[in-house]
Amino acid sequence: MASNCSLPFVYISGEEVRRLVGMAELIEEMARGLRWVSERDEGGVVQPVRTVVRVDKYCGLRGVPSHQAIVIVLDPRTGTLQAIVDGVEITNMRTAAASACAARALLQQAPRVLCIVGSGVQARSHAEALRIHHSFSEVRIWGRSAASAQRCADEVRAKVSLSLPDALRDADVVVAVTLATEPLIRGEWLKTGAVVISVGACHSDWRELDDDVMLNSLVTVDSCDAAMKESGDIIQSGAEIFAEIGEVISGAKPLPSLSDCGKKFLMFKSLGMAIEDVLSGTLIYHRFMERQTSRQPT
């Protein structure tokens, strides 16, 4: 629930975030942001790689989300605080929206099967986002916990796979949204032409994909600078980055055919970027203020 009170800024809750913006709209906003990030020579976004402080002894508590965040919206002219927005829901939605942008840009034919590896909140948001522009005949969920995977599958109208190789078999789109620190997905389990989206493994010593996947993929990323600092899959495998996904979306770097470049898969590494939070938070804030204005008596 949002609160105006007498403060010079507003607080917008996760519940309000969902009411104020839809996934389809956020996908287009993320496409715009991804293009901007890749337009460095044309007055695009200036975005330093984030600073991360590792807390090795963190102990998760039951019932507390593994990811907690707020997004602060400032007036771009003055720097004045305008809003504090619940960042958990923004992160869930904008991460999946960015993946949907990547899938739309990378897919070279209509997909039939979607496989989501992981069964947490990102699995749910990705099932929603990837269905916006693609009509999958089958959606599969695999998770380390069969019970968690079943709950997720029930919520997103998907099928549970008890075996990861079976889940991946013939999948056109594979989304990895895990906390894995060692490779889970093997190239031998993937069909040629599969689009692989990796959202987990956001540290230089974490992996989701094995070297067979990485070295046989045409690799795209949200940010080259971030990927070379944070993506364990790219750093440890030595895979070459073809392009930032924004360059593919804008047409600055057209995709070659896999046969021409000697690759088997197309891959997008998502690490998440500040521009995604900026655009999401600003859109939500303006929607909130428009709604408040419309409610005022004339």
Protein backbone atom coordinates (compact mmCIF):
# COMPACT_ATOMS: atom_id res chain seq x y z
CA MET A 1 0.00 0.00 0.00
CA ALA A 2 1.37 3.41 -0.94
CA SER A 3 1.50 6.23 1.59
CA ASN A 4 1.56 9.96 0.94
CA CYS A 5 1.45 11.17 4.59
CA SER A 6 2.99 14.62 4.86
CA LEU A 7 6.41 13.62 3.58
CA PRO A 8 7.91 15.38 0.55
CA PHE A 9 8.20 12.00 -1.17
CA VAL A 10 6.02 8.91 -1.59
CA TYR A 11 6.50 5.25 -0.71
CA ILE A 12 5.22 2.75 -3.28
CA SER A 13 4.81 -0.86 -2.13
CA GLY A 14 5.34 -4.03 -4.13
CA GLU A 15 1.58 -4.53 -4.26
CA GLU A 16 1.19 -1.09 -5.81
CA VAL A 17 4.01 -1.78 -8.29
CA ARG A 18 2.04 -4.70 -9.71
CA ARG A 19 -1.08 -2.58 -10.05
CA LEU A 20 0.67 0.33 -11.70
CA VAL A 21 2.63 -1.38 -14.48
CA GLY A 22 2.13 -4.51 -16.58
CA MET A 23 4.74 -6.93 -17.87
CA ALA A 24 4.10 -6.20 -21.56
CA GLU A 25 4.74 -2.49 -21.01
CA LEU A 26 7.84 -3.20 -18.96
CA ILE A 27 9.29 -5.38 -21.72
CA GLU A 28 9.21 -2.43 -24.11
CA GLU A 29 10.74 -0.15 -21.47
CA MET A 30 13.57 -2.64 -20.89
CA ALA A 31 14.19 -2.89 -24.65
CA ARG A 32 14.64 0.88 -24.68
CA GLY A 33 17.06 0.74 -21.75
CA LEU A 34 19.11 -2.10 -23.22
CA ARG A 35 19.50 -0.12 -26.46
CA TRP A 36 20.58 2.99 -24.56
CA VAL A 37 23.28 1.13 -22.65
CA SER A 38 24.86 0.03 -25.92
CA GLU A 39 24.88 3.54 -27.47
CA ARG A 40 28.00 4.79 -25.70
CA ASP A 41 29.29 6.69 -28.72
CA GLU A 42 25.95 8.35 -29.30
CA GLY A 43 25.31 9.99 -25.94
CA GLY A 44 23.88 6.87 -24.35
CA VAL A 45 23.79 5.75 -20.71
CA VAL A 46 26.82 6.23 -18.49
CA GLN A 47 26.72 3.28 -16.12
CA PRO A 48 29.74 2.18 -14.03
CA VAL A 49 29.91 -1.49 -13.06
CA ARG A 50 28.30 -1.91 -9.64
CA THR A 51 30.29 -2.32 -6.46
CA VAL A 52 29.59 -5.59 -4.63
CA VAL A 53 30.46 -6.41 -1.04
CA ARG A 54 30.42 -10.18 -0.44
CA VAL A 55 29.05 -11.27 2.94
CA ASP A 56 30.26 -14.87 3.22
CA LYS A 57 28.58 -15.64 6.55
CA TYR A 58 25.09 -14.48 5.55
CA CYS A 59 22.49 -16.86 6.89
CA GLY A 60 19.08 -16.79 5.25
CA LEU A 61 16.07 -16.75 7.56
CA ARG A 62 12.90 -18.73 6.89
CA GLY A 63 10.23 -16.52 5.41
CA VAL A 64 12.63 -13.70 4.51
CA PRO A 65 13.13 -13.14 0.75
CA SER A 66 16.57 -14.03 -0.58
CA HIS A 67 16.55 -10.70 -2.39
CA GLN A 68 15.54 -7.45 -0.71
CA ALA A 69 15.79 -4.01 -2.28
CA ILE A 70 14.44 -0.52 -2.61
CA VAL A 71 14.59 1.76 -5.63
CA ILE A 72 15.03 5.47 -4.97
CA VAL A 73 13.57 7.85 -7.58
CA LEU A 74 15.19 11.30 -7.76
CA ASP A 75 14.20 14.39 -9.71
CA PRO A 76 16.74 14.34 -12.60
CA ARG A 77 16.94 18.14 -12.57
CA THR A 78 17.59 18.74 -8.88
CA GLY A 79 18.39 15.38 -7.29
CA THR A 80 15.45 15.79 -4.92
CA LEU A 81 13.99 12.57 -3.54
CA GLN A 82 10.63 11.84 -5.17
CA ALA A 83 9.87 8.24 -4.23
CA ILE A 84 11.05 5.14 -2.44
CA VAL A 85 9.76 2.10 -4.30
CA ASP A 86 9.76 -1.51 -3.15
CA GLY A 87 12.61 -2.99 -5.19
CA VAL A 88 11.76 -6.66 -4.76
CA GLU A 89 8.81 -6.57 -7.14
CA ILE A 90 10.66 -4.28 -9.54
CA THR A 91 13.59 -6.70 -9.64
CA ASN A 92 11.31 -9.69 -10.21
CA MET A 93 9.51 -7.98 -13.09
CA ARG A 94 12.29 -6.05 -14.83
CA THR A 95 14.70 -9.02 -14.80
CA ALA A 96 12.13 -11.20 -16.54
CA ALA A 97 11.21 -8.36 -18.90
CA ALA A 98 14.85 -8.01 -19.96
CA SER A 99 15.03 -11.77 -20.58
CA ALA A 100 11.90 -11.53 -22.72
CA CYS A 101 13.57 -8.79 -24.77
CA ALA A 102 16.59 -11.02 -25.29
CA ALA A 103 14.50 -14.04 -26.27
CA ARG A 104 12.57 -11.96 -28.79
CA ALA A 105 15.83 -10.69 -30.31
CA LEU A 106 17.62 -14.05 -30.39
CA LEU A 107 14.91 -16.50 -31.45
CA GLN A 108 15.17 -17.32 -35.13
CA GLN A 109 11.93 -19.29 -35.34
CA ALA A 110 8.74 -19.64 -33.32
CA PRO A 111 9.52 -21.55 -30.11
CA ARG A 112 7.47 -24.51 -28.93
CA VAL A 113 8.99 -25.61 -25.60
CA LEU A 114 10.14 -23.41 -22.70
CA CYS A 115 12.22 -24.95 -19.90
CA ILE A 116 12.78 -23.00 -16.69
CA VAL A 117 15.54 -24.31 -14.44
CA GLY A 118 14.73 -23.09 -10.94
CA SER A 119 11.46 -22.72 -9.05
CA GLY A 120 11.66 -19.45 -7.14
CA VAL A 121 10.16 -16.01 -7.76
CA GLN A 122 12.22 -15.48 -10.90
CA ALA A 123 10.89 -18.71 -12.37
CA ARG A 124 7.37 -17.36 -11.92
CA SER A 125 8.09 -13.93 -13.40
CA HIS A 126 9.95 -15.45 -16.37
CA ALA A 127 7.05 -17.79 -17.14
CA GLU A 128 4.82 -14.72 -17.31
CA ALA A 129 7.18 -12.51 -19.31
CA LEU A 130 8.20 -15.07 -21.92
CA ARG A 131 4.58 -15.87 -22.70
CA ILE A 132 3.84 -12.26 -23.65
CA HIS A 133 5.26 -12.60 -27.17
CA HIS A 134 5.50 -16.38 -27.58
CA SER A 135 2.84 -19.08 -27.52
CA PHE A 136 4.60 -22.10 -26.03
CA SER A 137 2.85 -25.42 -26.38
CA GLU A 138 4.72 -26.71 -23.33
CA VAL A 139 6.37 -25.05 -20.31
CA ARG A 140 8.53 -27.21 -18.06
CA ILE A 141 9.84 -26.47 -14.56
CA TRP A 142 12.77 -28.21 -12.92
CA GLY A 143 14.01 -27.49 -9.41
CA ARG A 144 16.22 -29.15 -6.83
CA SER A 145 13.16 -29.48 -4.61
CA ALA A 146 10.39 -31.43 -6.30
CA ALA A 147 7.81 -29.93 -3.93
CA SER A 148 8.91 -26.37 -4.72
CA ALA A 149 8.94 -27.14 -8.44
CA GLN A 150 5.40 -28.54 -8.22
CA ARG A 151 4.12 -25.42 -6.43
CA CYS A 152 5.73 -23.21 -9.04
CA ALA A 153 4.37 -25.30 -11.91
CA ASP A 154 0.86 -25.19 -10.46
CA GLU A 155 1.01 -21.39 -10.21
CA VAL A 156 2.30 -20.79 -13.74
CA ARG A 157 0.40 -23.59 -15.53
CA ALA A 158 3.47 -25.64 -16.33
CA LYS A 159 4.65 -29.23 -16.18
CA VAL A 160 7.16 -30.48 -13.60
CA SER A 161 10.17 -32.44 -14.82
CA LEU A 162 11.88 -34.62 -12.25
CA SER A 163 15.00 -35.06 -14.38
CA LEU A 164 17.00 -32.05 -15.61
CA PRO A 165 18.11 -33.75 -18.86
CA ASP A 166 14.47 -34.62 -19.57
CA ALA A 167 13.40 -31.05 -18.82
CA LEU A 168 15.96 -29.67 -21.28
CA ARG A 169 15.34 -32.18 -24.06
CA ASP A 170 14.14 -30.41 -27.25
CA ALA A 171 13.56 -27.12 -25.37
CA ASP A 172 13.67 -24.11 -27.67
CA VAL A 173 14.19 -21.64 -24.83
CA VAL A 174 16.02 -22.48 -21.60
CA VAL A 175 16.00 -20.07 -18.66
CA ALA A 176 18.34 -20.70 -15.72
CA VAL A 177 17.24 -18.85 -12.58
CA THR A 178 19.19 -20.66 -9.87
CA LEU A 179 21.61 -20.09 -7.02
CA ALA A 180 23.98 -22.69 -8.45
CA THR A 181 27.69 -22.25 -7.87
CA GLU A 182 28.71 -25.19 -10.09
CA PRO A 183 27.53 -25.87 -13.67
CA LEU A 184 24.05 -27.39 -13.80
CA ILE A 185 23.24 -27.31 -17.51
CA ARG A 186 25.31 -29.34 -19.95
CA GLY A 187 25.59 -28.71 -23.65
CA GLU A 188 24.99 -32.37 -24.42
CA TRP A 189 21.44 -31.98 -23.05
CA LEU A 190 20.49 -29.06 -25.31
CA LYS A 191 19.07 -29.08 -28.82
CA THR A 192 20.96 -27.24 -31.54
CA GLY A 193 19.53 -23.77 -31.96
CA ALA A 194 18.33 -23.45 -28.36
CA VAL A 195 18.26 -19.99 -26.81
CA VAL A 196 19.78 -20.14 -23.32
CA ILE A 197 19.14 -17.31 -20.84
CA SER A 198 21.28 -17.37 -17.70
CA VAL A 199 20.05 -15.17 -14.83
CA GLY A 200 21.87 -16.76 -11.89
CA ALA A 201 25.63 -17.20 -11.35
CA CYS A 202 26.19 -13.47 -10.85
CA HIS A 203 29.62 -13.83 -9.22
CA SER A 204 32.94 -14.50 -10.91
CA ASP A 205 33.28 -17.85 -9.12
CA TRP A 206 29.72 -19.10 -9.71
CA ARG A 207 28.53 -21.19 -12.67
CA GLU A 208 25.19 -22.32 -14.12
CA LEU A 209 26.37 -23.52 -17.55
CA ASP A 210 29.19 -25.88 -18.44
CA ASP A 211 31.99 -25.11 -20.89
CA ASP A 212 30.23 -27.10 -23.62
CA VAL A 213 27.33 -24.64 -23.50
CA MET A 214 29.54 -21.56 -23.22
CA LEU A 215 32.09 -22.37 -25.90
CA ASN A 216 29.43 -23.48 -28.36
CA SER A 217 27.18 -20.44 -27.86
CA LEU A 218 26.91 -17.13 -29.64
CA VAL A 219 27.14 -15.13 -26.41
CA THR A 220 25.27 -11.90 -25.77
CA VAL A 221 25.21 -9.98 -22.50
CA ASP A 222 23.41 -7.01 -20.99
CA SER A 223 26.74 -5.25 -20.29
CA CYS A 224 30.17 -6.32 -21.51
CA ASP A 225 31.92 -4.48 -18.68
CA ALA A 226 29.78 -6.19 -16.05
CA ALA A 227 30.03 -9.62 -17.68
CA MET A 228 33.82 -9.53 -17.70
CA LYS A 229 33.83 -8.71 -14.00
CA GLU A 230 30.88 -10.68 -12.61
CA SER A 231 29.89 -13.61 -14.85
CA GLY A 232 31.61 -16.78 -13.72
CA ASP A 233 30.30 -18.65 -16.76
CA ILE A 234 32.02 -16.22 -19.14
CA ILE A 235 35.17 -15.59 -17.10
CA GLN A 236 35.92 -19.21 -16.24
CA SER A 237 35.05 -20.68 -19.65
CA GLY A 238 36.89 -18.02 -21.62
CA ALA A 239 33.90 -17.68 -23.94
CA GLU A 240 33.99 -14.77 -26.37
CA ILE A 241 31.21 -12.19 -26.18
CA PHE A 242 29.57 -11.51 -29.54
CA ALA A 243 27.61 -8.42 -28.53
CA GLU A 244 25.57 -6.64 -25.93
CA ILE A 245 21.92 -7.53 -26.40
CA GLY A 246 21.14 -3.85 -26.91
CA GLU A 247 23.29 -3.92 -30.05
CA VAL A 248 21.29 -6.87 -31.35
CA ILE A 249 17.96 -5.22 -30.53
CA SER A 250 18.96 -1.96 -32.26
CA GLY A 251 20.33 -3.76 -35.32
CA ALA A 252 23.86 -2.45 -34.76
CA LYS A 253 25.08 -6.06 -34.64
CA PRO A 254 22.82 -8.36 -36.68
CA LEU A 255 22.85 -12.01 -35.64
CA PRO A 256 24.74 -14.36 -37.95
CA SER A 257 23.33 -17.80 -38.58
CA LEU A 258 24.69 -20.43 -36.21
CA SER A 259 26.10 -22.42 -39.11
CA ASP A 260 28.01 -19.37 -40.36
CA CYS A 261 29.64 -18.73 -36.98
CA GLY A 262 30.19 -22.39 -36.09
CA LYS A 263 28.04 -22.31 -32.95
CA LYS A 264 25.21 -24.52 -31.66
CA PHE A 265 23.33 -22.25 -29.25
CA LEU A 266 22.41 -18.62 -28.66
CA MET A 267 23.00 -17.37 -25.13
CA PHE A 268 22.09 -14.27 -23.12
CA LYS A 269 23.80 -13.55 -19.82
CA SER A 270 21.67 -11.32 -17.60
CA LEU A 271 23.36 -9.63 -14.67
CA GLY A 272 20.90 -6.80 -14.18
CA MET A 273 21.69 -3.11 -14.59
CA ALA A 274 20.90 0.16 -12.87
CA ILE A 275 19.20 1.50 -16.01
CA GLU A 276 16.55 -1.21 -15.61
CA ASP A 277 15.75 0.03 -12.11
CA VAL A 278 15.85 3.68 -13.19
CA LEU A 279 13.37 3.19 -16.03
CA SER A 280 11.10 0.90 -13.99
CA GLY A 281 11.10 3.13 -10.93
CA THR A 282 10.50 6.29 -12.94
CA LEU A 283 7.63 4.74 -14.89
CA ILE A 284 6.00 3.49 -11.69
CA TYR A 285 6.43 6.84 -9.93
CA HIS A 286 4.82 8.77 -12.80
CA ARG A 287 1.94 6.28 -12.94
CA PHE A 288 1.42 6.67 -9.20
CA MET A 289 1.38 10.46 -9.42
CA GLU A 290 -1.01 10.39 -12.40
CA ARG A 291 -3.38 8.22 -10.41
CA GLN A 292 -3.15 10.49 -7.39
CA THR A 293 -3.91 13.53 -9.55
CA SER A 294 -6.92 11.82 -11.17
CA ARG A 295 -8.35 11.09 -7.72
CA GLN A 296 -8.24 14.68 -6.58
CA PRO A 297 -11.57 16.53 -6.72
CA THR A 298 -11.88 19.09 -9.47
